[in-house]
Amino acid sequence: MALKEEMDSKINKIISKWKNTKSKKMFGGYGYYLNGNMIAGIHGKNYVLRLGENMTRTAIKLPIFKNFRVSGKIRIG
């Protein structure tokens, strides 16, 4: 199994238990939605999580997290 498909399988195991979720291929990766809002994604070899500002400040202190940058800009929230 290719890396992205393996990563997709792991996220789908979690979100498939939640109501009103779906996943779709996009931009060479995958996007995951709850009630129509993107909550996570796969970008390259990384998971992208959409966290609120408070959770982002907490998570970024951990060595496994880093800010997601698009065109040089950090995306938060």
PDB file of N, CA and C in Angstrom:
ATOM      1  N   MET A   1       0.847  -1.176   0.000  1.00  0.00           N
ATOM      2  CA  MET A   1       0.000   0.000   0.000  1.00  0.00           C
ATOM      3  C   MET A   1       0.894   1.240   0.000  1.00  0.00           C
ATOM      4  N   ALA A   2       0.574   2.207  -0.827  1.00  0.00           N
ATOM      5  CA  ALA A   2       1.344   3.448  -0.896  1.00  0.00           C
ATOM      6  C   ALA A   2       1.135   4.256   0.389  1.00  0.00           C
ATOM      7  N   LEU A   3       2.099   5.118   0.685  1.00  0.00           N
ATOM      8  CA  LEU A   3       2.082   5.878   1.936  1.00  0.00           C
ATOM      9  C   LEU A   3       0.797   6.682   2.123  1.00  0.00           C
ATOM     10  N   LYS A   4       0.393   7.448   1.110  1.00  0.00           N
ATOM     11  CA  LYS A   4      -0.810   8.278   1.265  1.00  0.00           C
ATOM     12  C   LYS A   4      -2.055   7.430   1.504  1.00  0.00           C
ATOM     13  N   GLU A   5      -2.154   6.293   0.845  1.00  0.00           N
ATOM     14  CA  GLU A   5      -3.303   5.418   1.041  1.00  0.00           C
ATOM     15  C   GLU A   5      -3.288   4.829   2.450  1.00  0.00           C
ATOM     16  N   GLU A   6      -2.106   4.524   2.964  1.00  0.00           N
ATOM     17  CA  GLU A   6      -1.985   4.010   4.334  1.00  0.00           C
ATOM     18  C   GLU A   6      -2.393   5.096   5.339  1.00  0.00           C
ATOM     19  N   MET A   7      -1.932   6.316   5.102  1.00  0.00           N
ATOM     20  CA  MET A   7      -2.295   7.436   5.971  1.00  0.00           C
ATOM     21  C   MET A   7      -3.800   7.689   5.906  1.00  0.00           C
ATOM     22  N   ASP A   8      -4.368   7.639   4.706  1.00  0.00           N
ATOM     23  CA  ASP A   8      -5.804   7.822   4.510  1.00  0.00           C
ATOM     24  C   ASP A   8      -6.588   6.775   5.288  1.00  0.00           C
ATOM     25  N   SER A   9      -6.133   5.545   5.239  1.00  0.00           N
ATOM     26  CA  SER A   9      -6.803   4.462   5.949  1.00  0.00           C
ATOM     27  C   SER A   9      -6.837   4.722   7.456  1.00  0.00           C
ATOM     28  N   LYS A  10      -5.738   5.241   7.996  1.00  0.00           N
ATOM     29  CA  LYS A  10      -5.672   5.519   9.439  1.00  0.00           C
ATOM     30  C   LYS A  10      -6.663   6.606   9.842  1.00  0.00           C
ATOM     31  N   ILE A  11      -6.728   7.686   9.079  1.00  0.00           N
ATOM     32  CA  ILE A  11      -7.674   8.758   9.408  1.00  0.00           C
ATOM     33  C   ILE A  11      -9.108   8.269   9.238  1.00  0.00           C
ATOM     34  N   ASN A  12      -9.372   7.533   8.161  1.00  0.00           N
ATOM     35  CA  ASN A  12     -10.733   7.057   7.921  1.00  0.00           C
ATOM     36  C   ASN A  12     -11.222   6.124   9.019  1.00  0.00           C
ATOM     37  N   LYS A  13     -10.328   5.354   9.636  1.00  0.00           N
ATOM     38  CA  LYS A  13     -10.719   4.486  10.755  1.00  0.00           C
ATOM     39  C   LYS A  13     -11.279   5.318  11.902  1.00  0.00           C
ATOM     40  N   ILE A  14     -10.719   6.508  12.093  1.00  0.00           N
ATOM     41  CA  ILE A  14     -11.169   7.379  13.182  1.00  0.00           C
ATOM     42  C   ILE A  14     -12.450   8.110  12.796  1.00  0.00           C
ATOM     43  N   ILE A  15     -12.423   8.824  11.670  1.00  0.00           N
ATOM     44  CA  ILE A  15     -13.566   9.695  11.355  1.00  0.00           C
ATOM     45  C   ILE A  15     -14.792   8.937  10.864  1.00  0.00           C
ATOM     46  N   SER A  16     -14.623   7.707  10.401  1.00  0.00           N
ATOM     47  CA  SER A  16     -15.781   6.957   9.916  1.00  0.00           C
ATOM     48  C   SER A  16     -16.761   6.653  11.050  1.00  0.00           C
ATOM     49  N   LYS A  17     -16.316   6.752  12.294  1.00  0.00           N
ATOM     50  CA  LYS A  17     -17.181   6.514  13.455  1.00  0.00           C
ATOM     51  C   LYS A  17     -18.011   7.749  13.798  1.00  0.00           C
ATOM     52  N   TRP A  18     -17.654   8.902  13.232  1.00  0.00           N
ATOM     53  CA  TRP A  18     -18.350  10.159  13.516  1.00  0.00           C
ATOM     54  C   TRP A  18     -19.452  10.386  12.490  1.00  0.00           C
ATOM     55  N   LYS A  19     -20.491  11.079  12.889  1.00  0.00           N
ATOM     56  CA  LYS A  19     -21.581  11.425  11.967  1.00  0.00           C
ATOM     57  C   LYS A  19     -21.160  12.606  11.096  1.00  0.00           C
ATOM     58  N   ASN A  20     -21.735  12.673   9.906  1.00  0.00           N
ATOM     59  CA  ASN A  20     -21.561  13.813   8.986  1.00  0.00           C
ATOM     60  C   ASN A  20     -20.114  14.052   8.564  1.00  0.00           C
ATOM     61  N   THR A  21     -19.361  12.981   8.349  1.00  0.00           N
ATOM     62  CA  THR A  21     -17.981  13.121   7.877  1.00  0.00           C
ATOM     63  C   THR A  21     -17.845  12.526   6.485  1.00  0.00           C
ATOM     64  N   LYS A  22     -16.851  13.023   5.772  1.00  0.00           N
ATOM     65  CA  LYS A  22     -16.525  12.447   4.467  1.00  0.00           C
ATOM     66  C   LYS A  22     -15.075  12.774   4.152  1.00  0.00           C
ATOM     67  N   SER A  23     -14.525  12.029   3.223  1.00  0.00           N
ATOM     68  CA  SER A  23     -13.166  12.302   2.758  1.00  0.00           C
ATOM     69  C   SER A  23     -13.197  12.380   1.242  1.00  0.00           C
ATOM     70  N   LYS A  24     -12.238  13.129   0.691  1.00  0.00           N
ATOM     71  CA  LYS A  24     -12.147  13.188  -0.766  1.00  0.00           C
ATOM     72  C   LYS A  24     -10.723  13.508  -1.174  1.00  0.00           C
ATOM     73  N   LYS A  25     -10.353  13.014  -2.361  1.00  0.00           N
ATOM     74  CA  LYS A  25      -9.034  13.314  -2.917  1.00  0.00           C
ATOM     75  C   LYS A  25      -9.022  14.763  -3.368  1.00  0.00           C
ATOM     76  N   MET A  26      -7.908  15.433  -3.080  1.00  0.00           N
ATOM     77  CA  MET A  26      -7.785  16.819  -3.515  1.00  0.00           C
ATOM     78  C   MET A  26      -6.330  17.234  -3.535  1.00  0.00           C
ATOM     79  N   PHE A  27      -5.941  18.002  -4.519  1.00  0.00           N
ATOM     80  CA  PHE A  27      -4.604  18.582  -4.615  1.00  0.00           C
ATOM     81  C   PHE A  27      -3.485  17.570  -4.375  1.00  0.00           C
ATOM     82  N   GLY A  28      -3.618  16.371  -4.896  1.00  0.00           N
ATOM     83  CA  GLY A  28      -2.578  15.365  -4.739  1.00  0.00           C
ATOM     84  C   GLY A  28      -2.551  14.732  -3.364  1.00  0.00           C
ATOM     85  N   GLY A  29      -3.542  15.008  -2.547  1.00  0.00           N
ATOM     86  CA  GLY A  29      -3.626  14.436  -1.202  1.00  0.00           C
ATOM     87  C   GLY A  29      -5.069  14.102  -0.892  1.00  0.00           C
ATOM     88  N   TYR A  30      -5.422  14.183   0.370  1.00  0.00           N
ATOM     89  CA  TYR A  30      -6.777  13.892   0.801  1.00  0.00           C
ATOM     90  C   TYR A  30      -7.250  14.980   1.749  1.00  0.00           C
ATOM     91  N   GLY A  31      -8.553  15.241   1.753  1.00  0.00           N
ATOM     92  CA  GLY A  31      -9.165  16.174   2.688  1.00  0.00           C
ATOM     93  C   GLY A  31     -10.263  15.453   3.450  1.00  0.00           C
ATOM     94  N   TYR A  32     -10.459  15.827   4.704  1.00  0.00           N
ATOM     95  CA  TYR A  32     -11.440  15.191   5.579  1.00  0.00           C
ATOM     96  C   TYR A  32     -12.348  16.273   6.147  1.00  0.00           C
ATOM     97  N   TYR A  33     -13.636  16.029   6.084  1.00  0.00           N
ATOM     98  CA  TYR A  33     -14.625  17.058   6.395  1.00  0.00           C
ATOM     99  C   TYR A  33     -15.605  16.581   7.452  1.00  0.00           C
ATOM    100  N   LEU A  34     -15.994  17.511   8.325  1.00  0.00           N
ATOM    101  CA  LEU A  34     -17.026  17.291   9.329  1.00  0.00           C
ATOM    102  C   LEU A  34     -18.055  18.394   9.133  1.00  0.00           C
ATOM    103  N   ASN A  35     -19.296  18.002   8.871  1.00  0.00           N
ATOM    104  CA  ASN A  35     -20.366  18.971   8.602  1.00  0.00           C
ATOM    105  C   ASN A  35     -19.978  19.955   7.497  1.00  0.00           C
ATOM    106  N   GLY A  36     -19.248  19.483   6.508  1.00  0.00           N
ATOM    107  CA  GLY A  36     -18.866  20.309   5.371  1.00  0.00           C
ATOM    108  C   GLY A  36     -17.635  21.173   5.574  1.00  0.00           C
ATOM    109  N   ASN A  37     -17.047  21.147   6.766  1.00  0.00           N
ATOM    110  CA  ASN A  37     -15.855  21.944   7.066  1.00  0.00           C
ATOM    111  C   ASN A  37     -14.627  21.050   7.140  1.00  0.00           C
ATOM    112  N   MET A  38     -13.556  21.469   6.490  1.00  0.00           N
ATOM    113  CA  MET A  38     -12.331  20.673   6.498  1.00  0.00           C
ATOM    114  C   MET A  38     -11.738  20.639   7.902  1.00  0.00           C
ATOM    115  N   ILE A  39     -11.438  19.424   8.386  1.00  0.00           N
ATOM    116  CA  ILE A  39     -10.873  19.259   9.724  1.00  0.00           C
ATOM    117  C   ILE A  39      -9.476  18.661   9.693  1.00  0.00           C
ATOM    118  N   ALA A  40      -9.122  18.024   8.583  1.00  0.00           N
ATOM    119  CA  ALA A  40      -7.812  17.380   8.489  1.00  0.00           C
ATOM    120  C   ALA A  40      -7.476  17.143   7.027  1.00  0.00           C
ATOM    121  N   GLY A  41      -6.216  16.812   6.801  1.00  0.00           N
ATOM    122  CA  GLY A  41      -5.784  16.512   5.450  1.00  0.00           C
ATOM    123  C   GLY A  41      -4.466  15.769   5.453  1.00  0.00           C
ATOM    124  N   ILE A  42      -4.079  15.328   4.291  1.00  0.00           N
ATOM    125  CA  ILE A  42      -2.764  14.724   4.079  1.00  0.00           C
ATOM    126  C   ILE A  42      -2.090  15.581   3.029  1.00  0.00           C
ATOM    127  N   HIS A  43      -0.923  16.091   3.370  1.00  0.00           N
ATOM    128  CA  HIS A  43      -0.158  16.952   2.468  1.00  0.00           C
ATOM    129  C   HIS A  43       1.256  16.394   2.428  1.00  0.00           C
ATOM    130  N   GLY A  44       1.647  15.837   1.283  1.00  0.00           N
ATOM    131  CA  GLY A  44       2.956  15.188   1.203  1.00  0.00           C
ATOM    132  C   GLY A  44       2.983  13.977   2.115  1.00  0.00           C
ATOM    133  N   LYS A  45       3.954  13.950   3.025  1.00  0.00           N
ATOM    134  CA  LYS A  45       4.079  12.846   3.982  1.00  0.00           C
ATOM    135  C   LYS A  45       3.575  13.239   5.365  1.00  0.00           C
ATOM    136  N   ASN A  46       2.794  14.307   5.431  1.00  0.00           N
ATOM    137  CA  ASN A  46       2.347  14.840   6.718  1.00  0.00           C
ATOM    138  C   ASN A  46       0.834  14.877   6.832  1.00  0.00           C
ATOM    139  N   TYR A  47       0.373  14.720   8.069  1.00  0.00           N
ATOM    140  CA  TYR A  47      -1.026  14.967   8.382  1.00  0.00           C
ATOM    141  C   TYR A  47      -1.168  16.456   8.657  1.00  0.00           C
ATOM    142  N   VAL A  48      -2.268  17.026   8.241  1.00  0.00           N
ATOM    143  CA  VAL A  48      -2.584  18.423   8.526  1.00  0.00           C
ATOM    144  C   VAL A  48      -3.866  18.402   9.355  1.00  0.00           C
ATOM    145  N   LEU A  49      -3.808  19.015  10.533  1.00  0.00           N
ATOM    146  CA  LEU A  49      -4.972  19.065  11.415  1.00  0.00           C
ATOM    147  C   LEU A  49      -5.426  20.501  11.571  1.00  0.00           C
ATOM    148  N   ARG A  50      -6.701  20.701  11.507  1.00  0.00           N
ATOM    149  CA  ARG A  50      -7.244  22.044  11.715  1.00  0.00           C
ATOM    150  C   ARG A  50      -7.671  22.144  13.175  1.00  0.00           C
ATOM    151  N   LEU A  51      -6.915  22.908  13.927  1.00  0.00           N
ATOM    152  CA  LEU A  51      -7.165  23.080  15.350  1.00  0.00           C
ATOM    153  C   LEU A  51      -7.527  24.532  15.618  1.00  0.00           C
ATOM    154  N   GLY A  52      -8.234  24.777  16.680  1.00  0.00           N
ATOM    155  CA  GLY A  52      -8.513  26.149  17.086  1.00  0.00           C
ATOM    156  C   GLY A  52      -7.231  26.812  17.576  1.00  0.00           C
ATOM    157  N   GLU A  53      -7.278  28.125  17.770  1.00  0.00           N
ATOM    158  CA  GLU A  53      -6.071  28.861  18.158  1.00  0.00           C
ATOM    159  C   GLU A  53      -5.483  28.375  19.474  1.00  0.00           C
ATOM    160  N   ASN A  54      -6.316  28.126  20.489  1.00  0.00           N
ATOM    161  CA  ASN A  54      -5.793  27.662  21.778  1.00  0.00           C
ATOM    162  C   ASN A  54      -5.135  26.297  21.656  1.00  0.00           C
ATOM    163  N   MET A  55      -5.776  25.381  20.948  1.00  0.00           N
ATOM    164  CA  MET A  55      -5.216  24.044  20.767  1.00  0.00           C
ATOM    165  C   MET A  55      -3.931  24.116  19.947  1.00  0.00           C
ATOM    166  N   THR A  56      -3.878  25.005  18.966  1.00  0.00           N
ATOM    167  CA  THR A  56      -2.670  25.170  18.155  1.00  0.00           C
ATOM    168  C   THR A  56      -1.507  25.619  19.024  1.00  0.00           C
ATOM    169  N   ARG A  57      -1.741  26.590  19.900  1.00  0.00           N
ATOM    170  CA  ARG A  57      -0.669  27.073  20.787  1.00  0.00           C
ATOM    171  C   ARG A  57      -0.144  25.956  21.681  1.00  0.00           C
ATOM    172  N   THR A  58      -1.028  25.071  22.124  1.00  0.00           N
ATOM    173  CA  THR A  58      -0.617  23.946  22.963  1.00  0.00           C
ATOM    174  C   THR A  58       0.125  22.902  22.137  1.00  0.00           C
ATOM    175  N   ALA A  59      -0.435  22.527  20.992  1.00  0.00           N
ATOM    176  CA  ALA A  59       0.145  21.468  20.161  1.00  0.00           C
ATOM    177  C   ALA A  59       1.517  21.842  19.621  1.00  0.00           C
ATOM    178  N   ILE A  60       1.710  23.103  19.250  1.00  0.00           N
ATOM    179  CA  ILE A  60       2.962  23.517  18.609  1.00  0.00           C
ATOM    180  C   ILE A  60       4.152  23.394  19.561  1.00  0.00           C
ATOM    181  N   LYS A  61       3.888  23.305  20.848  1.00  0.00           N
ATOM    182  CA  LYS A  61       4.959  23.123  21.837  1.00  0.00           C
ATOM    183  C   LYS A  61       5.510  21.700  21.823  1.00  0.00           C
ATOM    184  N   LEU A  62       4.762  20.778  21.257  1.00  0.00           N
ATOM    185  CA  LEU A  62       5.192  19.380  21.184  1.00  0.00           C
ATOM    186  C   LEU A  62       6.093  19.180  19.969  1.00  0.00           C
ATOM    187  N   PRO A  63       7.134  18.357  20.112  1.00  0.00           N
ATOM    188  CA  PRO A  63       8.099  18.204  19.015  1.00  0.00           C
ATOM    189  C   PRO A  63       7.534  17.570  17.742  1.00  0.00           C
ATOM    190  N   ILE A  64       6.409  16.890  17.816  1.00  0.00           N
ATOM    191  CA  ILE A  64       5.863  16.243  16.614  1.00  0.00           C
ATOM    192  C   ILE A  64       5.002  17.180  15.777  1.00  0.00           C
ATOM    193  N   PHE A  65       4.700  18.369  16.291  1.00  0.00           N
ATOM    194  CA  PHE A  65       3.861  19.318  15.567  1.00  0.00           C
ATOM    195  C   PHE A  65       4.682  20.453  14.991  1.00  0.00           C
ATOM    196  N   LYS A  66       4.234  20.966  13.850  1.00  0.00           N
ATOM    197  CA  LYS A  66       4.811  22.183  13.282  1.00  0.00           C
ATOM    198  C   LYS A  66       3.693  22.936  12.569  1.00  0.00           C
ATOM    199  N   ASN A  67       3.881  24.224  12.387  1.00  0.00           N
ATOM    200  CA  ASN A  67       2.879  25.028  11.692  1.00  0.00           C
ATOM    201  C   ASN A  67       2.796  24.625  10.230  1.00  0.00           C
ATOM    202  N   PHE A  68       1.602  24.705   9.670  1.00  0.00           N
ATOM    203  CA  PHE A  68       1.369  24.416   8.263  1.00  0.00           C
ATOM    204  C   PHE A  68       1.512  25.712   7.483  1.00  0.00           C
ATOM    205  N   ARG A  69       2.417  25.712   6.533  1.00  0.00           N
ATOM    206  CA  ARG A  69       2.670  26.909   5.725  1.00  0.00           C
ATOM    207  C   ARG A  69       2.218  26.671   4.288  1.00  0.00           C
ATOM    208  N   VAL A  70       1.487  27.640   3.762  1.00  0.00           N
ATOM    209  CA  VAL A  70       1.080  27.629   2.360  1.00  0.00           C
ATOM    210  C   VAL A  70       1.578  28.939   1.772  1.00  0.00           C
ATOM    211  N   SER A  71       2.374  28.839   0.739  1.00  0.00           N
ATOM    212  CA  SER A  71       2.962  30.030   0.103  1.00  0.00           C
ATOM    213  C   SER A  71       3.683  30.910   1.114  1.00  0.00           C
ATOM    214  N   GLY A  72       4.355  30.268   2.071  1.00  0.00           N
ATOM    215  CA  GLY A  72       5.138  30.998   3.063  1.00  0.00           C
ATOM    216  C   GLY A  72       4.350  31.548   4.233  1.00  0.00           C
ATOM    217  N   LYS A  73       3.021  31.428   4.204  1.00  0.00           N
ATOM    218  CA  LYS A  73       2.186  31.952   5.283  1.00  0.00           C
ATOM    219  C   LYS A  73       1.745  30.822   6.202  1.00  0.00           C
ATOM    220  N   ILE A  74       1.822  31.069   7.503  1.00  0.00           N
ATOM    221  CA  ILE A  74       1.358  30.086   8.478  1.00  0.00           C
ATOM    222  C   ILE A  74      -0.162  30.123   8.523  1.00  0.00           C
ATOM    223  N   ARG A  75      -0.777  28.944   8.480  1.00  0.00           N
ATOM    224  CA  ARG A  75      -2.235  28.833   8.546  1.00  0.00           C
ATOM    225  C   ARG A  75      -2.624  28.402   9.953  1.00  0.00           C
ATOM    226  N   ILE A  76      -3.507  29.149  10.585  1.00  0.00           N
ATOM    227  CA  ILE A  76      -3.980  28.835  11.932  1.00  0.00           C
ATOM    228  C   ILE A  76      -5.501  28.842  11.924  1.00  0.00           C
ATOM    229  N   GLY A  77      -6.075  27.860  12.652  1.00  0.00           N
ATOM    230  CA  GLY A  77      -7.533  27.824  12.830  1.00  0.00           C
ATOM    231  C   GLY A  77      -8.281  27.106  11.775  1.00  0.00           C
TER     232      GLY A  77
END
